């Protein structure tokens, strides 16, 4: 599941019709902004660990390339 944010001119009839057609397919639902997804502390920590691992790997692999040009 993912969240898609749309901005449109509410005074534009074509934009309203397109949005209504999109919602009528049943593939999308309209949600209030207050209902937006909030990650759990476990998901936040998992993201941090993944980010840190990526940065560490990037430092190790790029160091020889950067040193070559210094």
PDB file of N, CA and C in Angstrom:
ATOM      1  N   UNK A   1       0.838  -1.171   0.000  1.00  0.00           N
ATOM      2  CA  UNK A   1       0.000   0.000   0.000  1.00  0.00           C
ATOM      3  C   UNK A   1       0.884   1.234   0.000  1.00  0.00           C
ATOM      4  N   UNK A   2       0.475   2.235  -0.760  1.00  0.00           N
ATOM      5  CA  UNK A   2       1.219   3.487  -0.783  1.00  0.00           C
ATOM      6  C   UNK A   2       0.232   4.635  -0.802  1.00  0.00           C
ATOM      7  N   UNK A   3       0.727   5.816  -0.566  1.00  0.00           N
ATOM      8  CA  UNK A   3      -0.105   7.008  -0.557  1.00  0.00           C
ATOM      9  C   UNK A   3       0.295   7.890  -1.723  1.00  0.00           C
ATOM     10  N   UNK A   4      -0.688   8.334  -2.470  1.00  0.00           N
ATOM     11  CA  UNK A   4      -0.470   9.244  -3.589  1.00  0.00           C
ATOM     12  C   UNK A   4      -1.168  10.547  -3.249  1.00  0.00           C
ATOM     13  N   UNK A   5      -0.457  11.644  -3.347  1.00  0.00           N
ATOM     14  CA  UNK A   5      -1.030  12.940  -3.053  1.00  0.00           C
ATOM     15  C   UNK A   5      -1.267  13.680  -4.360  1.00  0.00           C
ATOM     16  N   UNK A   6      -2.480  14.144  -4.548  1.00  0.00           N
ATOM     17  CA  UNK A   6      -2.829  14.889  -5.750  1.00  0.00           C
ATOM     18  C   UNK A   6      -3.189  16.315  -5.378  1.00  0.00           C
ATOM     19  N   UNK A   7      -2.725  17.248  -6.162  1.00  0.00           N
ATOM     20  CA  UNK A   7      -3.140  18.634  -6.013  1.00  0.00           C
ATOM     21  C   UNK A   7      -3.810  19.030  -7.311  1.00  0.00           C
ATOM     22  N   UNK A   8      -4.969  19.638  -7.187  1.00  0.00           N
ATOM     23  CA  UNK A   8      -5.701  20.042  -8.380  1.00  0.00           C
ATOM     24  C   UNK A   8      -6.522  21.273  -8.072  1.00  0.00           C
ATOM     25  N   UNK A   9      -6.951  21.952  -9.120  1.00  0.00           N
ATOM     26  CA  UNK A   9      -7.783  23.135  -8.989  1.00  0.00           C
ATOM     27  C   UNK A   9      -9.222  22.672  -8.786  1.00  0.00           C
ATOM     28  N   UNK A  10      -9.779  22.900  -7.622  1.00  0.00           N
ATOM     29  CA  UNK A  10     -11.136  22.443  -7.320  1.00  0.00           C
ATOM     30  C   UNK A  10     -12.187  23.196  -8.127  1.00  0.00           C
ATOM     31  N   UNK A  11     -11.810  24.289  -8.742  1.00  0.00           N
ATOM     32  CA  UNK A  11     -12.740  25.041  -9.577  1.00  0.00           C
ATOM     33  C   UNK A  11     -12.758  24.543 -11.017  1.00  0.00           C
ATOM     34  N   UNK A  12     -11.839  23.633 -11.355  1.00  0.00           N
ATOM     35  CA  UNK A  12     -11.742  23.114 -12.711  1.00  0.00           C
ATOM     36  C   UNK A  12     -12.637  21.886 -12.843  1.00  0.00           C
ATOM     37  N   UNK A  13     -13.655  21.978 -13.689  1.00  0.00           N
ATOM     38  CA  UNK A  13     -14.613  20.875 -13.851  1.00  0.00           C
ATOM     39  C   UNK A  13     -13.940  19.629 -14.401  1.00  0.00           C
ATOM     40  N   UNK A  14     -13.018  19.788 -15.335  1.00  0.00           N
ATOM     41  CA  UNK A  14     -12.327  18.629 -15.905  1.00  0.00           C
ATOM     42  C   UNK A  14     -11.514  17.907 -14.832  1.00  0.00           C
ATOM     43  N   UNK A  15     -10.834  18.652 -13.979  1.00  0.00           N
ATOM     44  CA  UNK A  15     -10.039  18.042 -12.907  1.00  0.00           C
ATOM     45  C   UNK A  15     -10.936  17.275 -11.947  1.00  0.00           C
ATOM     46  N   UNK A  16     -12.091  17.841 -11.612  1.00  0.00           N
ATOM     47  CA  UNK A  16     -13.028  17.146 -10.721  1.00  0.00           C
ATOM     48  C   UNK A  16     -13.565  15.874 -11.361  1.00  0.00           C
ATOM     49  N   UNK A  17     -13.875  15.919 -12.661  1.00  0.00           N
ATOM     50  CA  UNK A  17     -14.370  14.723 -13.355  1.00  0.00           C
ATOM     51  C   UNK A  17     -13.304  13.638 -13.408  1.00  0.00           C
ATOM     52  N   UNK A  18     -12.068  14.023 -13.700  1.00  0.00           N
ATOM     53  CA  UNK A  18     -10.967  13.047 -13.760  1.00  0.00           C
ATOM     54  C   UNK A  18     -10.757  12.403 -12.395  1.00  0.00           C
ATOM     55  N   UNK A  19     -10.807  13.206 -11.338  1.00  0.00           N
ATOM     56  CA  UNK A  19     -10.648  12.672  -9.993  1.00  0.00           C
ATOM     57  C   UNK A  19     -11.800  11.729  -9.652  1.00  0.00           C
ATOM     58  N   UNK A  20     -13.010  12.102  -9.994  1.00  0.00           N
ATOM     59  CA  UNK A  20     -14.170  11.245  -9.744  1.00  0.00           C
ATOM     60  C   UNK A  20     -14.042   9.927 -10.504  1.00  0.00           C
ATOM     61  N   UNK A  21     -13.567   9.987 -11.735  1.00  0.00           N
ATOM     62  CA  UNK A  21     -13.381   8.765 -12.526  1.00  0.00           C
ATOM     63  C   UNK A  21     -12.314   7.879 -11.901  1.00  0.00           C
ATOM     64  N   UNK A  22     -11.258   8.483 -11.415  1.00  0.00           N
ATOM     65  CA  UNK A  22     -10.189   7.736 -10.763  1.00  0.00           C
ATOM     66  C   UNK A  22     -10.691   7.035  -9.510  1.00  0.00           C
ATOM     67  N   UNK A  23     -11.457   7.735  -8.704  1.00  0.00           N
ATOM     68  CA  UNK A  23     -11.997   7.149  -7.485  1.00  0.00           C
ATOM     69  C   UNK A  23     -13.064   6.101  -7.792  1.00  0.00           C
ATOM     70  N   UNK A  24     -13.796   6.274  -8.894  1.00  0.00           N
ATOM     71  CA  UNK A  24     -14.864   5.339  -9.257  1.00  0.00           C
ATOM     72  C   UNK A  24     -14.310   3.973  -9.667  1.00  0.00           C
ATOM     73  N   UNK A  25     -13.043   3.892 -10.050  1.00  0.00           N
ATOM     74  CA  UNK A  25     -12.475   2.598 -10.429  1.00  0.00           C
ATOM     75  C   UNK A  25     -12.388   1.651  -9.239  1.00  0.00           C
ATOM     76  N   UNK A  26     -12.356   2.205  -8.032  1.00  0.00           N
ATOM     77  CA  UNK A  26     -12.230   1.384  -6.845  1.00  0.00           C
ATOM     78  C   UNK A  26     -10.793   1.033  -6.509  1.00  0.00           C
ATOM     79  N   UNK A  27      -9.878   1.418  -7.361  1.00  0.00           N
ATOM     80  CA  UNK A  27      -8.456   1.153  -7.112  1.00  0.00           C
ATOM     81  C   UNK A  27      -7.859   2.151  -6.133  1.00  0.00           C
ATOM     82  N   UNK A  28      -8.518   3.292  -5.990  1.00  0.00           N
ATOM     83  CA  UNK A  28      -8.028   4.346  -5.119  1.00  0.00           C
ATOM     84  C   UNK A  28      -9.128   4.734  -4.143  1.00  0.00           C
ATOM     85  N   UNK A  29      -8.733   5.174  -2.962  1.00  0.00           N
ATOM     86  CA  UNK A  29      -9.683   5.669  -1.978  1.00  0.00           C
ATOM     87  C   UNK A  29      -9.206   7.030  -1.499  1.00  0.00           C
ATOM     88  N   UNK A  30     -10.150   7.856  -1.134  1.00  0.00           N
ATOM     89  CA  UNK A  30      -9.826   9.186  -0.649  1.00  0.00           C
ATOM     90  C   UNK A  30      -9.659   9.116   0.861  1.00  0.00           C
ATOM     91  N   UNK A  31      -8.560   9.644   1.364  1.00  0.00           N
ATOM     92  CA  UNK A  31      -8.291   9.639   2.793  1.00  0.00           C
ATOM     93  C   UNK A  31      -8.058  11.063   3.262  1.00  0.00           C
ATOM     94  N   UNK A  32      -8.356  11.302   4.504  1.00  0.00           N
ATOM     95  CA  UNK A  32      -8.026  12.588   5.108  1.00  0.00           C
ATOM     96  C   UNK A  32      -6.541  12.608   5.423  1.00  0.00           C
ATOM     97  N   UNK A  33      -5.970  13.780   5.409  1.00  0.00           N
ATOM     98  CA  UNK A  33      -4.539  13.908   5.690  1.00  0.00           C
ATOM     99  C   UNK A  33      -4.223  13.410   7.099  1.00  0.00           C
ATOM    100  N   UNK A  34      -5.142  13.577   8.041  1.00  0.00           N
ATOM    101  CA  UNK A  34      -4.909  13.145   9.407  1.00  0.00           C
ATOM    102  C   UNK A  34      -4.764  11.625   9.486  1.00  0.00           C
ATOM    103  N   UNK A  35      -5.302  10.895   8.519  1.00  0.00           N
ATOM    104  CA  UNK A  35      -5.215   9.438   8.525  1.00  0.00           C
ATOM    105  C   UNK A  35      -3.940   8.932   7.860  1.00  0.00           C
ATOM    106  N   UNK A  36      -3.021   9.817   7.550  1.00  0.00           N
ATOM    107  CA  UNK A  36      -1.799   9.427   6.860  1.00  0.00           C
ATOM    108  C   UNK A  36      -1.023   8.406   7.689  1.00  0.00           C
ATOM    109  N   UNK A  37      -0.270   7.580   6.998  1.00  0.00           N
ATOM    110  CA  UNK A  37       0.484   6.500   7.620  1.00  0.00           C
ATOM    111  C   UNK A  37       1.596   7.055   8.501  1.00  0.00           C
ATOM    112  N   UNK A  38       1.712   6.516   9.684  1.00  0.00           N
ATOM    113  CA  UNK A  38       2.794   6.868  10.604  1.00  0.00           C
ATOM    114  C   UNK A  38       3.610   5.600  10.862  1.00  0.00           C
ATOM    115  N   UNK A  39       4.916   5.627  10.602  1.00  0.00           N
ATOM    116  CA  UNK A  39       5.725   4.429  10.822  1.00  0.00           C
ATOM    117  C   UNK A  39       5.864   4.107  12.309  1.00  0.00           C
ATOM    118  N   UNK A  40       5.985   2.831  12.594  1.00  0.00           N
ATOM    119  CA  UNK A  40       6.181   2.394  13.970  1.00  0.00           C
ATOM    120  C   UNK A  40       7.636   2.631  14.358  1.00  0.00           C
ATOM    121  N   UNK A  41       7.937   2.675  15.645  1.00  0.00           N
ATOM    122  CA  UNK A  41       9.340   2.848  16.063  1.00  0.00           C
ATOM    123  C   UNK A  41      10.253   1.750  15.507  1.00  0.00           C
ATOM    124  N   UNK A  42       9.721   0.536  15.373  1.00  0.00           N
ATOM    125  CA  UNK A  42      10.533  -0.557  14.814  1.00  0.00           C
ATOM    126  C   UNK A  42      10.869  -0.279  13.350  1.00  0.00           C
ATOM    127  N   UNK A  43       9.909   0.256  12.598  1.00  0.00           N
ATOM    128  CA  UNK A  43      10.158   0.571  11.188  1.00  0.00           C
ATOM    129  C   UNK A  43      11.149   1.718  11.055  1.00  0.00           C
ATOM    130  N   UNK A  44      11.068   2.689  11.941  1.00  0.00           N
ATOM    131  CA  UNK A  44      12.008   3.806  11.919  1.00  0.00           C
ATOM    132  C   UNK A  44      13.420   3.301  12.192  1.00  0.00           C
ATOM    133  N   UNK A  45      13.558   2.420  13.180  1.00  0.00           N
ATOM    134  CA  UNK A  45      14.874   1.867  13.512  1.00  0.00           C
ATOM    135  C   UNK A  45      15.415   1.014  12.368  1.00  0.00           C
ATOM    136  N   UNK A  46      14.562   0.216  11.742  1.00  0.00           N
ATOM    137  CA  UNK A  46      14.992  -0.603  10.607  1.00  0.00           C
ATOM    138  C   UNK A  46      15.463   0.283   9.457  1.00  0.00           C
ATOM    139  N   UNK A  47      14.772   1.380   9.231  1.00  0.00           N
ATOM    140  CA  UNK A  47      15.182   2.315   8.179  1.00  0.00           C
ATOM    141  C   UNK A  47      16.541   2.934   8.506  1.00  0.00           C
ATOM    142  N   UNK A  48      16.735   3.309   9.771  1.00  0.00           N
ATOM    143  CA  UNK A  48      18.020   3.880  10.192  1.00  0.00           C
ATOM    144  C   UNK A  48      19.163   2.901   9.970  1.00  0.00           C
ATOM    145  N   UNK A  49      18.939   1.639  10.352  1.00  0.00           N
ATOM    146  CA  UNK A  49      19.977   0.625  10.182  1.00  0.00           C
ATOM    147  C   UNK A  49      20.302   0.409   8.712  1.00  0.00           C
ATOM    148  N   UNK A  50      19.277   0.368   7.879  1.00  0.00           N
ATOM    149  CA  UNK A  50      19.484   0.186   6.447  1.00  0.00           C
ATOM    150  C   UNK A  50      20.249   1.373   5.855  1.00  0.00           C
ATOM    151  N   UNK A  51      19.864   2.588   6.260  1.00  0.00           N
ATOM    152  CA  UNK A  51      20.544   3.789   5.783  1.00  0.00           C
ATOM    153  C   UNK A  51      22.005   3.799   6.212  1.00  0.00           C
ATOM    154  N   UNK A  52      22.262   3.466   7.477  1.00  0.00           N
ATOM    155  CA  UNK A  52      23.632   3.452   7.980  1.00  0.00           C
ATOM    156  C   UNK A  52      24.480   2.411   7.259  1.00  0.00           C
ATOM    157  N   UNK A  53      23.901   1.241   6.986  1.00  0.00           N
ATOM    158  CA  UNK A  53      24.635   0.203   6.253  1.00  0.00           C
ATOM    159  C   UNK A  53      24.952   0.677   4.845  1.00  0.00           C
ATOM    160  N   UNK A  54      24.013   1.324   4.201  1.00  0.00           N
ATOM    161  CA  UNK A  54      24.243   1.846   2.856  1.00  0.00           C
ATOM    162  C   UNK A  54      25.368   2.881   2.849  1.00  0.00           C
ATOM    163  N   UNK A  55      25.330   3.815   3.808  1.00  0.00           N
ATOM    164  CA  UNK A  55      26.357   4.848   3.865  1.00  0.00           C
ATOM    165  C   UNK A  55      27.735   4.268   4.155  1.00  0.00           C
ATOM    166  N   UNK A  56      27.802   3.277   5.041  1.00  0.00           N
ATOM    167  CA  UNK A  56      29.089   2.637   5.343  1.00  0.00           C
ATOM    168  C   UNK A  56      29.646   1.941   4.105  1.00  0.00           C
ATOM    169  N   UNK A  57      28.794   1.224   3.397  1.00  0.00           N
ATOM    170  CA  UNK A  57      29.229   0.542   2.176  1.00  0.00           C
ATOM    171  C   UNK A  57      29.686   1.562   1.131  1.00  0.00           C
ATOM    172  N   UNK A  58      28.956   2.665   1.020  1.00  0.00           N
ATOM    173  CA  UNK A  58      29.308   3.704   0.064  1.00  0.00           C
ATOM    174  C   UNK A  58      30.671   4.303   0.387  1.00  0.00           C
ATOM    175  N   UNK A  59      30.921   4.545   1.668  1.00  0.00           N
ATOM    176  CA  UNK A  59      32.231   5.095   2.062  1.00  0.00           C
ATOM    177  C   UNK A  59      33.361   4.142   1.696  1.00  0.00           C
ATOM    178  N   UNK A  60      33.155   2.848   1.962  1.00  0.00           N
ATOM    179  CA  UNK A  60      34.209   1.869   1.690  1.00  0.00           C
ATOM    180  C   UNK A  60      34.494   1.742   0.198  1.00  0.00           C
ATOM    181  N   UNK A  61      33.459   1.741  -0.611  1.00  0.00           N
ATOM    182  CA  UNK A  61      33.670   1.520  -2.042  1.00  0.00           C
ATOM    183  C   UNK A  61      34.127   2.773  -2.760  1.00  0.00           C
ATOM    184  N   UNK A  62      33.784   3.944  -2.269  1.00  0.00           N
ATOM    185  CA  UNK A  62      34.164   5.183  -2.941  1.00  0.00           C
ATOM    186  C   UNK A  62      35.522   5.714  -2.502  1.00  0.00           C
ATOM    187  N   UNK A  63      36.015   5.288  -1.354  1.00  0.00           N
ATOM    188  CA  UNK A  63      37.285   5.815  -0.843  1.00  0.00           C
ATOM    189  C   UNK A  63      38.429   5.654  -1.842  1.00  0.00           C
ATOM    190  N   UNK A  64      38.644   4.469  -2.444  1.00  0.00           N
ATOM    191  CA  UNK A  64      39.747   4.356  -3.406  1.00  0.00           C
ATOM    192  C   UNK A  64      39.561   5.247  -4.637  1.00  0.00           C
ATOM    193  N   UNK A  65      38.346   5.407  -5.085  1.00  0.00           N
ATOM    194  CA  UNK A  65      38.088   6.238  -6.264  1.00  0.00           C
ATOM    195  C   UNK A  65      38.360   7.701  -5.934  1.00  0.00           C
ATOM    196  N   UNK A  66      37.918   8.155  -4.789  1.00  0.00           N
ATOM    197  CA  UNK A  66      38.150   9.539  -4.393  1.00  0.00           C
ATOM    198  C   UNK A  66      39.635   9.783  -4.156  1.00  0.00           C
ATOM    199  N   UNK A  67      40.319   8.831  -3.517  1.00  0.00           N
ATOM    200  CA  UNK A  67      41.756   8.984  -3.231  1.00  0.00           C
ATOM    201  C   UNK A  67      42.564   9.082  -4.518  1.00  0.00           C
ATOM    202  N   UNK A  68      42.107   8.425  -5.571  1.00  0.00           N
ATOM    203  CA  UNK A  68      42.824   8.456  -6.844  1.00  0.00           C
ATOM    204  C   UNK A  68      42.869   9.872  -7.414  1.00  0.00           C
ATOM    205  N   UNK A  69      41.848  10.661  -7.156  1.00  0.00           N
ATOM    206  CA  UNK A  69      41.754  11.995  -7.739  1.00  0.00           C
ATOM    207  C   UNK A  69      42.240  13.093  -6.803  1.00  0.00           C
ATOM    208  N   UNK A  70      42.686  12.740  -5.618  1.00  0.00           N
ATOM    209  CA  UNK A  70      43.179  13.779  -4.702  1.00  0.00           C
ATOM    210  C   UNK A  70      44.651  13.993  -4.819  1.00  0.00           C
TER     211      UNK A  70
END
